[in-house]
Amino acid sequence: MVTVMYAFFILSCICIAGMFYFISKLNSPGIYPPKIIIKKNARMLGAAAVFLFFLGFILRIFT
């Protein structure tokens, strides 16, 4: 169970890194990909990171 908990935390960190990557791409000039798609990807990765962190935290409490 501890391994699953750490896997959730590691996946959460990867999602946060991806979110910061997409946020940093917002400042770069250019047309493609559209800024709306970049914002959507960053928002999706942020939500996934919060969800995975929450699952890992719940497992941490109950083990």
PDB file of N, CA and C in Angstrom:
ATOM      1  N   MET A   1       0.824  -1.193   0.000  1.00  0.00           N
ATOM      2  CA  MET A   1       0.000   0.000   0.000  1.00  0.00           C
ATOM      3  C   MET A   1       0.873   1.264   0.000  1.00  0.00           C
ATOM      4  N   VAL A   2       2.000   1.174   0.669  1.00  0.00           N
ATOM      5  CA  VAL A   2       2.900   2.322   0.714  1.00  0.00           C
ATOM      6  C   VAL A   2       3.456   2.623  -0.682  1.00  0.00           C
ATOM      7  N   THR A   3       3.704   1.584  -1.450  1.00  0.00           N
ATOM      8  CA  THR A   3       4.213   1.779  -2.804  1.00  0.00           C
ATOM      9  C   THR A   3       3.189   2.500  -3.676  1.00  0.00           C
ATOM     10  N   VAL A   4       1.927   2.149  -3.523  1.00  0.00           N
ATOM     11  CA  VAL A   4       0.865   2.812  -4.283  1.00  0.00           C
ATOM     12  C   VAL A   4       0.771   4.276  -3.877  1.00  0.00           C
ATOM     13  N   MET A   5       0.911   4.545  -2.574  1.00  0.00           N
ATOM     14  CA  MET A   5       0.859   5.915  -2.077  1.00  0.00           C
ATOM     15  C   MET A   5       1.990   6.748  -2.695  1.00  0.00           C
ATOM     16  N   TYR A   6       3.197   6.212  -2.701  1.00  0.00           N
ATOM     17  CA  TYR A   6       4.319   6.950  -3.294  1.00  0.00           C
ATOM     18  C   TYR A   6       4.155   7.106  -4.804  1.00  0.00           C
ATOM     19  N   ALA A   7       3.548   6.105  -5.449  1.00  0.00           N
ATOM     20  CA  ALA A   7       3.295   6.222  -6.884  1.00  0.00           C
ATOM     21  C   ALA A   7       2.336   7.377  -7.158  1.00  0.00           C
ATOM     22  N   PHE A   8       1.299   7.526  -6.320  1.00  0.00           N
ATOM     23  CA  PHE A   8       0.378   8.652  -6.486  1.00  0.00           C
ATOM     24  C   PHE A   8       1.096   9.981  -6.306  1.00  0.00           C
ATOM     25  N   PHE A   9       1.977  10.065  -5.324  1.00  0.00           N
ATOM     26  CA  PHE A   9       2.713  11.308  -5.099  1.00  0.00           C
ATOM     27  C   PHE A   9       3.666  11.612  -6.256  1.00  0.00           C
ATOM     28  N   ILE A  10       4.317  10.587  -6.781  1.00  0.00           N
ATOM     29  CA  ILE A  10       5.238  10.792  -7.910  1.00  0.00           C
ATOM     30  C   ILE A  10       4.465  11.217  -9.157  1.00  0.00           C
ATOM     31  N   LEU A  11       3.332  10.570  -9.427  1.00  0.00           N
ATOM     32  CA  LEU A  11       2.513  10.971 -10.573  1.00  0.00           C
ATOM     33  C   LEU A  11       1.987  12.393 -10.400  1.00  0.00           C
ATOM     34  N   SER A  12       1.678  12.764  -9.173  1.00  0.00           N
ATOM     35  CA  SER A  12       1.230  14.126  -8.900  1.00  0.00           C
ATOM     36  C   SER A  12       2.343  15.127  -9.215  1.00  0.00           C
ATOM     37  N   CYS A  13       3.564  14.806  -8.845  1.00  0.00           N
ATOM     38  CA  CYS A  13       4.693  15.692  -9.145  1.00  0.00           C
ATOM     39  C   CYS A  13       4.938  15.801 -10.644  1.00  0.00           C
ATOM     40  N   ILE A  14       4.773  14.704 -11.358  1.00  0.00           N
ATOM     41  CA  ILE A  14       4.937  14.737 -12.820  1.00  0.00           C
ATOM     42  C   ILE A  14       3.867  15.612 -13.452  1.00  0.00           C
ATOM     43  N   CYS A  15       2.629  15.508 -12.956  1.00  0.00           N
ATOM     44  CA  CYS A  15       1.545  16.343 -13.488  1.00  0.00           C
ATOM     45  C   CYS A  15       1.802  17.823 -13.198  1.00  0.00           C
ATOM     46  N   ILE A  16       2.331  18.126 -12.029  1.00  0.00           N
ATOM     47  CA  ILE A  16       2.645  19.522 -11.690  1.00  0.00           C
ATOM     48  C   ILE A  16       3.745  20.047 -12.609  1.00  0.00           C
ATOM     49  N   ALA A  17       4.747  19.213 -12.885  1.00  0.00           N
ATOM     50  CA  ALA A  17       5.815  19.631 -13.794  1.00  0.00           C
ATOM     51  C   ALA A  17       5.263  19.890 -15.193  1.00  0.00           C
ATOM     52  N   GLY A  18       4.370  19.032 -15.652  1.00  0.00           N
ATOM     53  CA  GLY A  18       3.750  19.246 -16.952  1.00  0.00           C
ATOM     54  C   GLY A  18       2.904  20.498 -16.984  1.00  0.00           C
ATOM     55  N   MET A  19       2.213  20.767 -15.881  1.00  0.00           N
ATOM     56  CA  MET A  19       1.403  21.979 -15.801  1.00  0.00           C
ATOM     57  C   MET A  19       2.289  23.217 -15.909  1.00  0.00           C
ATOM     58  N   PHE A  20       3.404  23.229 -15.204  1.00  0.00           N
ATOM     59  CA  PHE A  20       4.324  24.366 -15.283  1.00  0.00           C
ATOM     60  C   PHE A  20       4.924  24.498 -16.676  1.00  0.00           C
ATOM     61  N   TYR A  21       5.141  23.372 -17.358  1.00  0.00           N
ATOM     62  CA  TYR A  21       5.648  23.409 -18.726  1.00  0.00           C
ATOM     63  C   TYR A  21       4.649  24.115 -19.636  1.00  0.00           C
ATOM     64  N   PHE A  22       3.378  23.746 -19.531  1.00  0.00           N
ATOM     65  CA  PHE A  22       2.371  24.382 -20.379  1.00  0.00           C
ATOM     66  C   PHE A  22       2.154  25.846 -20.006  1.00  0.00           C
ATOM     67  N   ILE A  23       2.257  26.161 -18.725  1.00  0.00           N
ATOM     68  CA  ILE A  23       2.131  27.566 -18.321  1.00  0.00           C
ATOM     69  C   ILE A  23       3.287  28.383 -18.887  1.00  0.00           C
ATOM     70  N   SER A  24       4.485  27.806 -18.914  1.00  0.00           N
ATOM     71  CA  SER A  24       5.622  28.532 -19.476  1.00  0.00           C
ATOM     72  C   SER A  24       5.483  28.708 -20.990  1.00  0.00           C
ATOM     73  N   LYS A  25       4.792  27.776 -21.667  1.00  0.00           N
ATOM     74  CA  LYS A  25       4.579  27.914 -23.110  1.00  0.00           C
ATOM     75  C   LYS A  25       3.587  29.022 -23.443  1.00  0.00           C
ATOM     76  N   LEU A  26       2.797  29.451 -22.470  1.00  0.00           N
ATOM     77  CA  LEU A  26       1.837  30.536 -22.716  1.00  0.00           C
ATOM     78  C   LEU A  26       2.539  31.844 -23.049  1.00  0.00           C
ATOM     79  N   ASN A  27       3.736  32.054 -22.497  1.00  0.00           N
ATOM     80  CA  ASN A  27       4.456  33.305 -22.713  1.00  0.00           C
ATOM     81  C   ASN A  27       5.239  33.326 -24.020  1.00  0.00           C
ATOM     82  N   SER A  28       5.354  32.185 -24.677  1.00  0.00           N
ATOM     83  CA  SER A  28       6.132  32.158 -25.917  1.00  0.00           C
ATOM     84  C   SER A  28       5.295  32.694 -27.070  1.00  0.00           C
ATOM     85  N   PRO A  29       5.938  33.406 -27.986  1.00  0.00           N
ATOM     86  CA  PRO A  29       5.180  33.940 -29.125  1.00  0.00           C
ATOM     87  C   PRO A  29       4.836  32.830 -30.114  1.00  0.00           C
ATOM     88  N   GLY A  30       3.849  33.068 -30.893  1.00  0.00           N
ATOM     89  CA  GLY A  30       3.452  32.112 -31.916  1.00  0.00           C
ATOM     90  C   GLY A  30       1.954  31.901 -31.915  1.00  0.00           C
ATOM     91  N   ILE A  31       1.501  31.289 -32.976  1.00  0.00           N
ATOM     92  CA  ILE A  31       0.071  31.068 -33.146  1.00  0.00           C
ATOM     93  C   ILE A  31      -0.309  29.632 -32.819  1.00  0.00           C
ATOM     94  N   TYR A  32       0.555  28.692 -33.186  1.00  0.00           N
ATOM     95  CA  TYR A  32       0.215  27.285 -33.008  1.00  0.00           C
ATOM     96  C   TYR A  32       1.032  26.698 -31.891  1.00  0.00           C
ATOM     97  N   PRO A  33       0.503  25.962 -30.958  1.00  0.00           N
ATOM     98  CA  PRO A  33      -0.907  25.657 -30.744  1.00  0.00           C
ATOM     99  C   PRO A  33      -1.631  26.844 -30.125  1.00  0.00           C
ATOM    100  N   PRO A  34      -2.931  26.911 -30.312  1.00  0.00           N
ATOM    101  CA  PRO A  34      -3.686  28.040 -29.762  1.00  0.00           C
ATOM    102  C   PRO A  34      -3.572  28.108 -28.242  1.00  0.00           C
ATOM    103  N   LYS A  35      -3.620  29.326 -27.730  1.00  0.00           N
ATOM    104  CA  LYS A  35      -3.473  29.541 -26.285  1.00  0.00           C
ATOM    105  C   LYS A  35      -4.589  28.859 -25.507  1.00  0.00           C
ATOM    106  N   ILE A  36      -5.763  28.730 -26.102  1.00  0.00           N
ATOM    107  CA  ILE A  36      -6.880  28.080 -25.413  1.00  0.00           C
ATOM    108  C   ILE A  36      -6.561  26.610 -25.144  1.00  0.00           C
ATOM    109  N   ILE A  37      -5.934  25.950 -26.107  1.00  0.00           N
ATOM    110  CA  ILE A  37      -5.582  24.539 -25.935  1.00  0.00           C
ATOM    111  C   ILE A  37      -4.492  24.388 -24.884  1.00  0.00           C
ATOM    112  N   ILE A  38      -3.527  25.307 -24.881  1.00  0.00           N
ATOM    113  CA  ILE A  38      -2.458  25.247 -23.880  1.00  0.00           C
ATOM    114  C   ILE A  38      -3.036  25.451 -22.481  1.00  0.00           C
ATOM    115  N   LYS A  39      -3.962  26.413 -22.331  1.00  0.00           N
ATOM    116  CA  LYS A  39      -4.597  26.634 -21.033  1.00  0.00           C
ATOM    117  C   LYS A  39      -5.398  25.416 -20.601  1.00  0.00           C
ATOM    118  N   LYS A  40      -6.089  24.768 -21.562  1.00  0.00           N
ATOM    119  CA  LYS A  40      -6.880  23.588 -21.240  1.00  0.00           C
ATOM    120  C   LYS A  40      -5.986  22.451 -20.759  1.00  0.00           C
ATOM    121  N   ASN A  41      -4.848  22.266 -21.427  1.00  0.00           N
ATOM    122  CA  ASN A  41      -3.908  21.213 -21.022  1.00  0.00           C
ATOM    123  C   ASN A  41      -3.331  21.498 -19.641  1.00  0.00           C
ATOM    124  N   ALA A  42      -2.979  22.747 -19.377  1.00  0.00           N
ATOM    125  CA  ALA A  42      -2.431  23.106 -18.069  1.00  0.00           C
ATOM    126  C   ALA A  42      -3.478  22.899 -16.983  1.00  0.00           C
ATOM    127  N   ARG A  43      -4.712  23.273 -17.262  1.00  0.00           N
ATOM    128  CA  ARG A  43      -5.794  23.103 -16.282  1.00  0.00           C
ATOM    129  C   ARG A  43      -6.057  21.621 -16.021  1.00  0.00           C
ATOM    130  N   MET A  44      -6.025  20.815 -17.071  1.00  0.00           N
ATOM    131  CA  MET A  44      -6.270  19.384 -16.927  1.00  0.00           C
ATOM    132  C   MET A  44      -5.171  18.727 -16.088  1.00  0.00           C
ATOM    133  N   LEU A  45      -3.920  19.080 -16.360  1.00  0.00           N
ATOM    134  CA  LEU A  45      -2.818  18.510 -15.582  1.00  0.00           C
ATOM    135  C   LEU A  45      -2.853  18.983 -14.132  1.00  0.00           C
ATOM    136  N   GLY A  46      -3.249  20.225 -13.906  1.00  0.00           N
ATOM    137  CA  GLY A  46      -3.373  20.720 -12.540  1.00  0.00           C
ATOM    138  C   GLY A  46      -4.452  19.986 -11.763  1.00  0.00           C
ATOM    139  N   ALA A  47      -5.580  19.745 -12.408  1.00  0.00           N
ATOM    140  CA  ALA A  47      -6.670  19.014 -11.749  1.00  0.00           C
ATOM    141  C   ALA A  47      -6.253  17.568 -11.462  1.00  0.00           C
ATOM    142  N   ALA A  48      -5.546  16.951 -12.405  1.00  0.00           N
ATOM    143  CA  ALA A  48      -5.067  15.583 -12.187  1.00  0.00           C
ATOM    144  C   ALA A  48      -4.071  15.539 -11.037  1.00  0.00           C
ATOM    145  N   ALA A  49      -3.213  16.554 -10.939  1.00  0.00           N
ATOM    146  CA  ALA A  49      -2.231  16.597  -9.854  1.00  0.00           C
ATOM    147  C   ALA A  49      -2.915  16.725  -8.501  1.00  0.00           C
ATOM    148  N   VAL A  50      -3.929  17.580  -8.426  1.00  0.00           N
ATOM    149  CA  VAL A  50      -4.657  17.739  -7.158  1.00  0.00           C
ATOM    150  C   VAL A  50      -5.360  16.436  -6.788  1.00  0.00           C
ATOM    151  N   PHE A  51      -5.988  15.790  -7.775  1.00  0.00           N
ATOM    152  CA  PHE A  51      -6.703  14.541  -7.514  1.00  0.00           C
ATOM    153  C   PHE A  51      -5.750  13.442  -7.043  1.00  0.00           C
ATOM    154  N   LEU A  52      -4.613  13.285  -7.724  1.00  0.00           N
ATOM    155  CA  LEU A  52      -3.648  12.253  -7.340  1.00  0.00           C
ATOM    156  C   LEU A  52      -3.026  12.547  -5.985  1.00  0.00           C
ATOM    157  N   PHE A  53      -2.747  13.828  -5.708  1.00  0.00           N
ATOM    158  CA  PHE A  53      -2.204  14.180  -4.406  1.00  0.00           C
ATOM    159  C   PHE A  53      -3.217  13.884  -3.311  1.00  0.00           C
ATOM    160  N   PHE A  54      -4.487  14.165  -3.583  1.00  0.00           N
ATOM    161  CA  PHE A  54      -5.545  13.889  -2.617  1.00  0.00           C
ATOM    162  C   PHE A  54      -5.661  12.390  -2.356  1.00  0.00           C
ATOM    163  N   LEU A  55      -5.590  11.566  -3.407  1.00  0.00           N
ATOM    164  CA  LEU A  55      -5.636  10.120  -3.218  1.00  0.00           C
ATOM    165  C   LEU A  55      -4.438   9.626  -2.403  1.00  0.00           C
ATOM    166  N   GLY A  56      -3.263  10.142  -2.700  1.00  0.00           N
ATOM    167  CA  GLY A  56      -2.080   9.763  -1.930  1.00  0.00           C
ATOM    168  C   GLY A  56      -2.188  10.188  -0.477  1.00  0.00           C
ATOM    169  N   PHE A  57      -2.758  11.369  -0.248  1.00  0.00           N
ATOM    170  CA  PHE A  57      -2.927  11.848   1.125  1.00  0.00           C
ATOM    171  C   PHE A  57      -3.934  10.994   1.882  1.00  0.00           C
ATOM    172  N   ILE A  58      -5.007  10.604   1.214  1.00  0.00           N
ATOM    173  CA  ILE A  58      -6.002   9.730   1.859  1.00  0.00           C
ATOM    174  C   ILE A  58      -5.379   8.384   2.219  1.00  0.00           C
ATOM    175  N   LEU A  59      -4.581   7.830   1.304  1.00  0.00           N
ATOM    176  CA  LEU A  59      -3.897   6.568   1.617  1.00  0.00           C
ATOM    177  C   LEU A  59      -2.906   6.744   2.759  1.00  0.00           C
ATOM    178  N   ARG A  60      -2.271   7.895   2.822  1.00  0.00           N
ATOM    179  CA  ARG A  60      -1.305   8.164   3.904  1.00  0.00           C
ATOM    180  C   ARG A  60      -2.002   8.217   5.248  1.00  0.00           C
ATOM    181  N   ILE A  61      -3.194   8.774   5.284  1.00  0.00           N
ATOM    182  CA  ILE A  61      -3.937   8.875   6.547  1.00  0.00           C
ATOM    183  C   ILE A  61      -4.376   7.503   7.036  1.00  0.00           C
ATOM    184  N   PHE A  62      -4.852   6.652   6.127  1.00  0.00           N
ATOM    185  CA  PHE A  62      -5.460   5.385   6.536  1.00  0.00           C
ATOM    186  C   PHE A  62      -4.483   4.230   6.608  1.00  0.00           C
ATOM    187  N   THR A  63      -3.189   4.465   6.375  1.00  0.00           N
ATOM    188  CA  THR A  63      -2.227   3.380   6.519  1.00  0.00           C
ATOM    189  C   THR A  63      -1.246   3.686   7.616  1.00  0.00           C
TER     190      THR A  63
END
